[in-house]
């Protein structure tokens, strides 16, 4: 499944908060935006998509990613966490 890179900007007092996320479709994009608005307690000022990625502080974020949808194996997850 291919996901697209989004950059959300929030105006909070005297500063801006930038949050980056990936979404596969319009529904997922809107849900993630709403989740961020709730988490930050501010309205999203702008939401831009970057299908070709962008460079930030000498780091490159890809514009799209390939994500494998697989069920988590709870036993192997607990082994990795040392439980």
PDB file of N, CA and C in Angstrom:
ATOM      1  N   UNK A   1       0.847  -1.173   0.000  1.00  0.00           N
ATOM      2  CA  UNK A   1       0.000   0.000   0.000  1.00  0.00           C
ATOM      3  C   UNK A   1       0.893   1.236   0.000  1.00  0.00           C
ATOM      4  N   UNK A   2       0.639   2.136  -0.897  1.00  0.00           N
ATOM      5  CA  UNK A   2       1.431   3.352  -0.996  1.00  0.00           C
ATOM      6  C   UNK A   2       0.763   4.475  -0.204  1.00  0.00           C
ATOM      7  N   UNK A   3       1.573   5.198   0.576  1.00  0.00           N
ATOM      8  CA  UNK A   3       1.064   6.320   1.365  1.00  0.00           C
ATOM      9  C   UNK A   3       1.793   7.586   0.962  1.00  0.00           C
ATOM     10  N   UNK A   4       1.102   8.717   1.048  1.00  0.00           N
ATOM     11  CA  UNK A   4       1.651  10.014   0.663  1.00  0.00           C
ATOM     12  C   UNK A   4       2.030  10.820   1.897  1.00  0.00           C
ATOM     13  N   UNK A   5       3.081  11.607   1.778  1.00  0.00           N
ATOM     14  CA  UNK A   5       3.580  12.455   2.857  1.00  0.00           C
ATOM     15  C   UNK A   5       2.758  13.736   2.955  1.00  0.00           C
ATOM     16  N   UNK A   6       2.364  14.107   4.183  1.00  0.00           N
ATOM     17  CA  UNK A   6       1.630  15.347   4.446  1.00  0.00           C
ATOM     18  C   UNK A   6       2.345  16.141   5.531  1.00  0.00           C
ATOM     19  N   UNK A   7       2.269  17.459   5.436  1.00  0.00           N
ATOM     20  CA  UNK A   7       2.815  18.364   6.443  1.00  0.00           C
ATOM     21  C   UNK A   7       1.683  19.235   6.960  1.00  0.00           C
ATOM     22  N   UNK A   8       1.394  19.114   8.249  1.00  0.00           N
ATOM     23  CA  UNK A   8       0.333  19.896   8.887  1.00  0.00           C
ATOM     24  C   UNK A   8       0.972  21.010   9.715  1.00  0.00           C
ATOM     25  N   UNK A   9       0.426  22.214   9.608  1.00  0.00           N
ATOM     26  CA  UNK A   9       0.924  23.372  10.356  1.00  0.00           C
ATOM     27  C   UNK A   9      -0.151  23.831  11.338  1.00  0.00           C
ATOM     28  N   UNK A  10       0.260  24.030  12.578  1.00  0.00           N
ATOM     29  CA  UNK A  10      -0.645  24.496  13.620  1.00  0.00           C
ATOM     30  C   UNK A  10      -0.098  25.791  14.193  1.00  0.00           C
ATOM     31  N   UNK A  11      -0.947  26.798  14.351  1.00  0.00           N
ATOM     32  CA  UNK A  11      -0.576  28.084  14.929  1.00  0.00           C
ATOM     33  C   UNK A  11      -0.971  28.036  16.404  1.00  0.00           C
ATOM     34  N   UNK A  12       0.032  27.982  17.277  1.00  0.00           N
ATOM     35  CA  UNK A  12      -0.219  27.851  18.709  1.00  0.00           C
ATOM     36  C   UNK A  12       0.451  29.017  19.422  1.00  0.00           C
ATOM     37  N   UNK A  13      -0.346  30.006  19.782  1.00  0.00           N
ATOM     38  CA  UNK A  13       0.206  31.173  20.476  1.00  0.00           C
ATOM     39  C   UNK A  13       1.201  31.912  19.603  1.00  0.00           C
ATOM     40  N   UNK A  14       2.434  32.022  20.108  1.00  0.00           N
ATOM     41  CA  UNK A  14       3.476  32.744  19.383  1.00  0.00           C
ATOM     42  C   UNK A  14       4.368  31.826  18.556  1.00  0.00           C
ATOM     43  N   UNK A  15       3.949  30.599  18.360  1.00  0.00           N
ATOM     44  CA  UNK A  15       4.783  29.644  17.644  1.00  0.00           C
ATOM     45  C   UNK A  15       3.951  28.792  16.690  1.00  0.00           C
ATOM     46  N   UNK A  16       4.630  28.071  15.841  1.00  0.00           N
ATOM     47  CA  UNK A  16       3.983  27.136  14.930  1.00  0.00           C
ATOM     48  C   UNK A  16       4.480  25.735  15.251  1.00  0.00           C
ATOM     49  N   UNK A  17       3.598  24.778  15.128  1.00  0.00           N
ATOM     50  CA  UNK A  17       3.965  23.376  15.283  1.00  0.00           C
ATOM     51  C   UNK A  17       3.774  22.718  13.927  1.00  0.00           C
ATOM     52  N   UNK A  18       4.812  22.028  13.459  1.00  0.00           N
ATOM     53  CA  UNK A  18       4.747  21.290  12.204  1.00  0.00           C
ATOM     54  C   UNK A  18       4.703  19.809  12.533  1.00  0.00           C
ATOM     55  N   UNK A  19       3.784  19.100  11.927  1.00  0.00           N
ATOM     56  CA  UNK A  19       3.685  17.655  12.117  1.00  0.00           C
ATOM     57  C   UNK A  19       3.653  16.990  10.758  1.00  0.00           C
ATOM     58  N   UNK A  20       4.425  15.951  10.595  1.00  0.00           N
ATOM     59  CA  UNK A  20       4.515  15.199   9.342  1.00  0.00           C
ATOM     60  C   UNK A  20       3.874  13.843   9.559  1.00  0.00           C
ATOM     61  N   UNK A  21       3.079  13.397   8.579  1.00  0.00           N
ATOM     62  CA  UNK A  21       2.496  12.060   8.641  1.00  0.00           C
ATOM     63  C   UNK A  21       2.269  11.533   7.237  1.00  0.00           C
ATOM     64  N   UNK A  22       2.056  10.237   7.147  1.00  0.00           N
ATOM     65  CA  UNK A  22       1.741   9.578   5.879  1.00  0.00           C
ATOM     66  C   UNK A  22       0.304   9.075   5.924  1.00  0.00           C
ATOM     67  N   UNK A  23      -0.391   9.179   4.793  1.00  0.00           N
ATOM     68  CA  UNK A  23      -1.763   8.681   4.693  1.00  0.00           C
ATOM     69  C   UNK A  23      -1.971   8.037   3.332  1.00  0.00           C
ATOM     70  N   UNK A  24      -2.788   6.978   3.318  1.00  0.00           N
ATOM     71  CA  UNK A  24      -3.031   6.222   2.083  1.00  0.00           C
ATOM     72  C   UNK A  24      -4.131   6.828   1.232  1.00  0.00           C
ATOM     73  N   UNK A  25      -5.079   7.532   1.874  1.00  0.00           N
ATOM     74  CA  UNK A  25      -6.214   8.074   1.123  1.00  0.00           C
ATOM     75  C   UNK A  25      -6.783   9.292   1.857  1.00  0.00           C
ATOM     76  N   UNK A  26      -7.794   9.881   1.259  1.00  0.00           N
ATOM     77  CA  UNK A  26      -8.417  11.097   1.808  1.00  0.00           C
ATOM     78  C   UNK A  26      -8.991  10.863   3.208  1.00  0.00           C
ATOM     79  N   UNK A  27      -9.630   9.721   3.401  1.00  0.00           N
ATOM     80  CA  UNK A  27     -10.251   9.406   4.696  1.00  0.00           C
ATOM     81  C   UNK A  27      -9.193   9.307   5.800  1.00  0.00           C
ATOM     82  N   UNK A  28      -8.105   8.607   5.516  1.00  0.00           N
ATOM     83  CA  UNK A  28      -7.038   8.469   6.505  1.00  0.00           C
ATOM     84  C   UNK A  28      -6.387   9.822   6.781  1.00  0.00           C
ATOM     85  N   UNK A  29      -6.205  10.636   5.743  1.00  0.00           N
ATOM     86  CA  UNK A  29      -5.626  11.975   5.904  1.00  0.00           C
ATOM     87  C   UNK A  29      -6.475  12.815   6.847  1.00  0.00           C
ATOM     88  N   UNK A  30      -7.780  12.831   6.623  1.00  0.00           N
ATOM     89  CA  UNK A  30      -8.676  13.632   7.461  1.00  0.00           C
ATOM     90  C   UNK A  30      -8.703  13.117   8.897  1.00  0.00           C
ATOM     91  N   UNK A  31      -8.667  11.797   9.069  1.00  0.00           N
ATOM     92  CA  UNK A  31      -8.676  11.220  10.412  1.00  0.00           C
ATOM     93  C   UNK A  31      -7.401  11.592  11.169  1.00  0.00           C
ATOM     94  N   UNK A  32      -6.258  11.492  10.507  1.00  0.00           N
ATOM     95  CA  UNK A  32      -4.992  11.846  11.153  1.00  0.00           C
ATOM     96  C   UNK A  32      -4.949  13.334  11.476  1.00  0.00           C
ATOM     97  N   UNK A  33      -5.484  14.167  10.592  1.00  0.00           N
ATOM     98  CA  UNK A  33      -5.537  15.609  10.850  1.00  0.00           C
ATOM     99  C   UNK A  33      -6.393  15.889  12.089  1.00  0.00           C
ATOM    100  N   UNK A  34      -7.554  15.256  12.186  1.00  0.00           N
ATOM    101  CA  UNK A  34      -8.426  15.440  13.352  1.00  0.00           C
ATOM    102  C   UNK A  34      -7.755  14.954  14.628  1.00  0.00           C
ATOM    103  N   UNK A  35      -7.044  13.821  14.544  1.00  0.00           N
ATOM    104  CA  UNK A  35      -6.331  13.299  15.710  1.00  0.00           C
ATOM    105  C   UNK A  35      -5.263  14.281  16.183  1.00  0.00           C
ATOM    106  N   UNK A  36      -4.534  14.875  15.236  1.00  0.00           N
ATOM    107  CA  UNK A  36      -3.513  15.859  15.595  1.00  0.00           C
ATOM    108  C   UNK A  36      -4.137  17.112  16.196  1.00  0.00           C
ATOM    109  N   UNK A  37      -5.249  17.565  15.636  1.00  0.00           N
ATOM    110  CA  UNK A  37      -5.928  18.742  16.183  1.00  0.00           C
ATOM    111  C   UNK A  37      -6.352  18.495  17.628  1.00  0.00           C
ATOM    112  N   UNK A  38      -6.834  17.302  17.897  1.00  0.00           N
ATOM    113  CA  UNK A  38      -7.247  16.944  19.254  1.00  0.00           C
ATOM    114  C   UNK A  38      -6.016  16.863  20.181  1.00  0.00           C
ATOM    115  N   UNK A  39      -4.934  16.259  19.691  1.00  0.00           N
ATOM    116  CA  UNK A  39      -3.717  16.107  20.489  1.00  0.00           C
ATOM    117  C   UNK A  39      -3.074  17.456  20.813  1.00  0.00           C
ATOM    118  N   UNK A  40      -3.004  18.336  19.828  1.00  0.00           N
ATOM    119  CA  UNK A  40      -2.348  19.630  19.992  1.00  0.00           C
ATOM    120  C   UNK A  40      -3.300  20.671  20.581  1.00  0.00           C
ATOM    121  N   UNK A  41      -4.596  20.425  20.459  1.00  0.00           N
ATOM    122  CA  UNK A  41      -5.630  21.339  20.930  1.00  0.00           C
ATOM    123  C   UNK A  41      -5.583  22.662  20.160  1.00  0.00           C
ATOM    124  N   UNK A  42      -5.464  22.532  18.833  1.00  0.00           N
ATOM    125  CA  UNK A  42      -5.442  23.693  17.942  1.00  0.00           C
ATOM    126  C   UNK A  42      -5.951  23.254  16.574  1.00  0.00           C
ATOM    127  N   UNK A  43      -6.473  24.209  15.821  1.00  0.00           N
ATOM    128  CA  UNK A  43      -6.969  23.929  14.480  1.00  0.00           C
ATOM    129  C   UNK A  43      -5.793  23.898  13.510  1.00  0.00           C
ATOM    130  N   UNK A  44      -5.836  22.975  12.572  1.00  0.00           N
ATOM    131  CA  UNK A  44      -4.789  22.866  11.557  1.00  0.00           C
ATOM    132  C   UNK A  44      -4.863  24.077  10.630  1.00  0.00           C
ATOM    133  N   UNK A  45      -3.788  24.876  10.606  1.00  0.00           N
ATOM    134  CA  UNK A  45      -3.755  26.091   9.799  1.00  0.00           C
ATOM    135  C   UNK A  45      -3.587  25.765   8.321  1.00  0.00           C
ATOM    136  N   UNK A  46      -2.732  24.788   8.012  1.00  0.00           N
ATOM    137  CA  UNK A  46      -2.561  24.366   6.624  1.00  0.00           C
ATOM    138  C   UNK A  46      -2.153  22.902   6.587  1.00  0.00           C
ATOM    139  N   UNK A  47      -2.508  22.253   5.497  1.00  0.00           N
ATOM    140  CA  UNK A  47      -2.175  20.849   5.296  1.00  0.00           C
ATOM    141  C   UNK A  47      -1.757  20.683   3.844  1.00  0.00           C
ATOM    142  N   UNK A  48      -0.493  20.381   3.636  1.00  0.00           N
ATOM    143  CA  UNK A  48       0.065  20.259   2.289  1.00  0.00           C
ATOM    144  C   UNK A  48       0.514  18.827   2.055  1.00  0.00           C
ATOM    145  N   UNK A  49       0.364  18.354   0.836  1.00  0.00           N
ATOM    146  CA  UNK A  49       0.868  17.024   0.509  1.00  0.00           C
ATOM    147  C   UNK A  49       2.124  17.154  -0.348  1.00  0.00           C
ATOM    148  N   UNK A  50       3.036  16.205  -0.160  1.00  0.00           N
ATOM    149  CA  UNK A  50       4.325  16.209  -0.849  1.00  0.00           C
ATOM    150  C   UNK A  50       4.592  14.815  -1.414  1.00  0.00           C
ATOM    151  N   UNK A  51       3.966  14.477  -2.541  1.00  0.00           N
ATOM    152  CA  UNK A  51       4.151  13.138  -3.100  1.00  0.00           C
ATOM    153  C   UNK A  51       5.581  12.863  -3.564  1.00  0.00           C
ATOM    154  N   UNK A  52       6.371  13.904  -3.769  1.00  0.00           N
ATOM    155  CA  UNK A  52       7.774  13.724  -4.170  1.00  0.00           C
ATOM    156  C   UNK A  52       8.734  13.907  -3.006  1.00  0.00           C
ATOM    157  N   UNK A  53       8.189  14.081  -1.786  1.00  0.00           N
ATOM    158  CA  UNK A  53       9.004  14.257  -0.598  1.00  0.00           C
ATOM    159  C   UNK A  53       9.552  15.668  -0.484  1.00  0.00           C
ATOM    160  N   UNK A  54      10.326  15.922   0.568  1.00  0.00           N
ATOM    161  CA  UNK A  54      11.010  17.197   0.738  1.00  0.00           C
ATOM    162  C   UNK A  54      12.204  17.007   1.645  1.00  0.00           C
ATOM    163  N   UNK A  55      13.107  17.965   1.645  1.00  0.00           N
ATOM    164  CA  UNK A  55      14.333  17.897   2.436  1.00  0.00           C
ATOM    165  C   UNK A  55      14.164  18.811   3.647  1.00  0.00           C
ATOM    166  N   UNK A  56      14.508  18.284   4.809  1.00  0.00           N
ATOM    167  CA  UNK A  56      14.364  19.023   6.057  1.00  0.00           C
ATOM    168  C   UNK A  56      15.608  18.792   6.905  1.00  0.00           C
ATOM    169  N   UNK A  57      16.345  19.833   7.215  1.00  0.00           N
ATOM    170  CA  UNK A  57      17.544  19.776   8.035  1.00  0.00           C
ATOM    171  C   UNK A  57      18.465  18.641   7.570  1.00  0.00           C
ATOM    172  N   UNK A  58      18.784  18.687   6.304  1.00  0.00           N
ATOM    173  CA  UNK A  58      19.699  17.735   5.698  1.00  0.00           C
ATOM    174  C   UNK A  58      19.221  16.280   5.794  1.00  0.00           C
ATOM    175  N   UNK A  59      17.939  16.074   6.006  1.00  0.00           N
ATOM    176  CA  UNK A  59      17.346  14.741   6.011  1.00  0.00           C
ATOM    177  C   UNK A  59      16.311  14.693   4.906  1.00  0.00           C
ATOM    178  N   UNK A  60      16.227  13.593   4.218  1.00  0.00           N
ATOM    179  CA  UNK A  60      15.263  13.464   3.138  1.00  0.00           C
ATOM    180  C   UNK A  60      14.141  12.532   3.573  1.00  0.00           C
ATOM    181  N   UNK A  61      12.916  13.019   3.473  1.00  0.00           N
ATOM    182  CA  UNK A  61      11.745  12.200   3.740  1.00  0.00           C
ATOM    183  C   UNK A  61      11.148  11.810   2.393  1.00  0.00           C
ATOM    184  N   UNK A  62      10.917  10.537   2.159  1.00  0.00           N
ATOM    185  CA  UNK A  62      10.359  10.130   0.872  1.00  0.00           C
ATOM    186  C   UNK A  62       8.926  10.619   0.716  1.00  0.00           C
ATOM    187  N   UNK A  63       8.533  10.898  -0.513  1.00  0.00           N
ATOM    188  CA  UNK A  63       7.186  11.386  -0.792  1.00  0.00           C
ATOM    189  C   UNK A  63       6.130  10.311  -0.657  1.00  0.00           C
ATOM    190  N   UNK A  64       6.505   9.079  -0.900  1.00  0.00           N
ATOM    191  CA  UNK A  64       5.587   7.953  -0.721  1.00  0.00           C
ATOM    192  C   UNK A  64       6.359   6.819  -0.058  1.00  0.00           C
ATOM    193  N   UNK A  65       5.649   5.970   0.647  1.00  0.00           N
ATOM    194  CA  UNK A  65       6.250   4.797   1.278  1.00  0.00           C
ATOM    195  C   UNK A  65       5.407   3.580   0.966  1.00  0.00           C
ATOM    196  N   UNK A  66       6.029   2.449   0.983  1.00  0.00           N
ATOM    197  CA  UNK A  66       5.336   1.189   0.771  1.00  0.00           C
ATOM    198  C   UNK A  66       5.145   0.549   2.144  1.00  0.00           C
ATOM    199  N   UNK A  67       3.895   0.262   2.511  1.00  0.00           N
ATOM    200  CA  UNK A  67       3.591  -0.273   3.827  1.00  0.00           C
ATOM    201  C   UNK A  67       2.927  -1.627   3.656  1.00  0.00           C
ATOM    202  N   UNK A  68       3.460  -2.634   4.345  1.00  0.00           N
ATOM    203  CA  UNK A  68       2.848  -3.946   4.308  1.00  0.00           C
ATOM    204  C   UNK A  68       1.860  -4.041   5.457  1.00  0.00           C
ATOM    205  N   UNK A  69       0.631  -4.391   5.135  1.00  0.00           N
ATOM    206  CA  UNK A  69      -0.395  -4.570   6.151  1.00  0.00           C
ATOM    207  C   UNK A  69      -0.298  -5.999   6.648  1.00  0.00           C
ATOM    208  N   UNK A  70       0.208  -6.173   7.866  1.00  0.00           N
ATOM    209  CA  UNK A  70       0.361  -7.505   8.440  1.00  0.00           C
ATOM    210  C   UNK A  70      -0.149  -7.487   9.865  1.00  0.00           C
ATOM    211  N   UNK A  71      -0.709  -8.617  10.292  1.00  0.00           N
ATOM    212  CA  UNK A  71      -1.188  -8.713  11.657  1.00  0.00           C
ATOM    213  C   UNK A  71       0.005  -8.844  12.581  1.00  0.00           C
ATOM    214  N   UNK A  72      -0.071  -8.166  13.703  1.00  0.00           N
ATOM    215  CA  UNK A  72       1.011  -8.247  14.678  1.00  0.00           C
ATOM    216  C   UNK A  72       0.938  -9.581  15.409  1.00  0.00           C
ATOM    217  N   UNK A  73       2.083 -10.164  15.596  1.00  0.00           N
ATOM    218  CA  UNK A  73       2.197 -11.384  16.376  1.00  0.00           C
ATOM    219  C   UNK A  73       2.486 -10.954  17.808  1.00  0.00           C
ATOM    220  N   UNK A  74       1.490 -11.043  18.684  1.00  0.00           N
ATOM    221  CA  UNK A  74       1.637 -10.516  20.042  1.00  0.00           C
ATOM    222  C   UNK A  74       2.743 -11.234  20.801  1.00  0.00           C
ATOM    223  N   UNK A  75       2.966 -12.515  20.522  1.00  0.00           N
ATOM    224  CA  UNK A  75       4.026 -13.247  21.210  1.00  0.00           C
ATOM    225  C   UNK A  75       5.398 -12.683  20.835  1.00  0.00           C
ATOM    226  N   UNK A  76       5.628 -12.470  19.546  1.00  0.00           N
ATOM    227  CA  UNK A  76       6.920 -11.942  19.135  1.00  0.00           C
ATOM    228  C   UNK A  76       7.090 -10.495  19.601  1.00  0.00           C
ATOM    229  N   UNK A  77       6.016  -9.733  19.692  1.00  0.00           N
ATOM    230  CA  UNK A  77       6.099  -8.366  20.203  1.00  0.00           C
ATOM    231  C   UNK A  77       6.520  -8.370  21.663  1.00  0.00           C
ATOM    232  N   UNK A  78       5.952  -9.266  22.465  1.00  0.00           N
ATOM    233  CA  UNK A  78       6.310  -9.316  23.887  1.00  0.00           C
ATOM    234  C   UNK A  78       7.739  -9.819  24.065  1.00  0.00           C
ATOM    235  N   UNK A  79       8.215 -10.697  23.172  1.00  0.00           N
ATOM    236  CA  UNK A  79       9.606 -11.168  23.257  1.00  0.00           C
ATOM    237  C   UNK A  79      10.578 -10.042  22.988  1.00  0.00           C
ATOM    238  N   UNK A  80      10.264  -9.178  22.023  1.00  0.00           N
ATOM    239  CA  UNK A  80      11.144  -8.072  21.703  1.00  0.00           C
ATOM    240  C   UNK A  80      11.196  -7.043  22.817  1.00  0.00           C
ATOM    241  N   UNK A  81      10.097  -6.890  23.552  1.00  0.00           N
ATOM    242  CA  UNK A  81      10.079  -5.895  24.623  1.00  0.00           C
ATOM    243  C   UNK A  81      10.663  -6.440  25.923  1.00  0.00           C
ATOM    244  N   UNK A  82      11.063  -7.724  25.920  1.00  0.00           N
ATOM    245  CA  UNK A  82      11.690  -8.299  27.096  1.00  0.00           C
ATOM    246  C   UNK A  82      10.702  -8.830  28.108  1.00  0.00           C
ATOM    247  N   UNK A  83       9.439  -8.990  27.726  1.00  0.00           N
ATOM    248  CA  UNK A  83       8.437  -9.519  28.668  1.00  0.00           C
ATOM    249  C   UNK A  83       8.402 -11.016  28.646  1.00  0.00           C
TER     250      UNK A  83
END
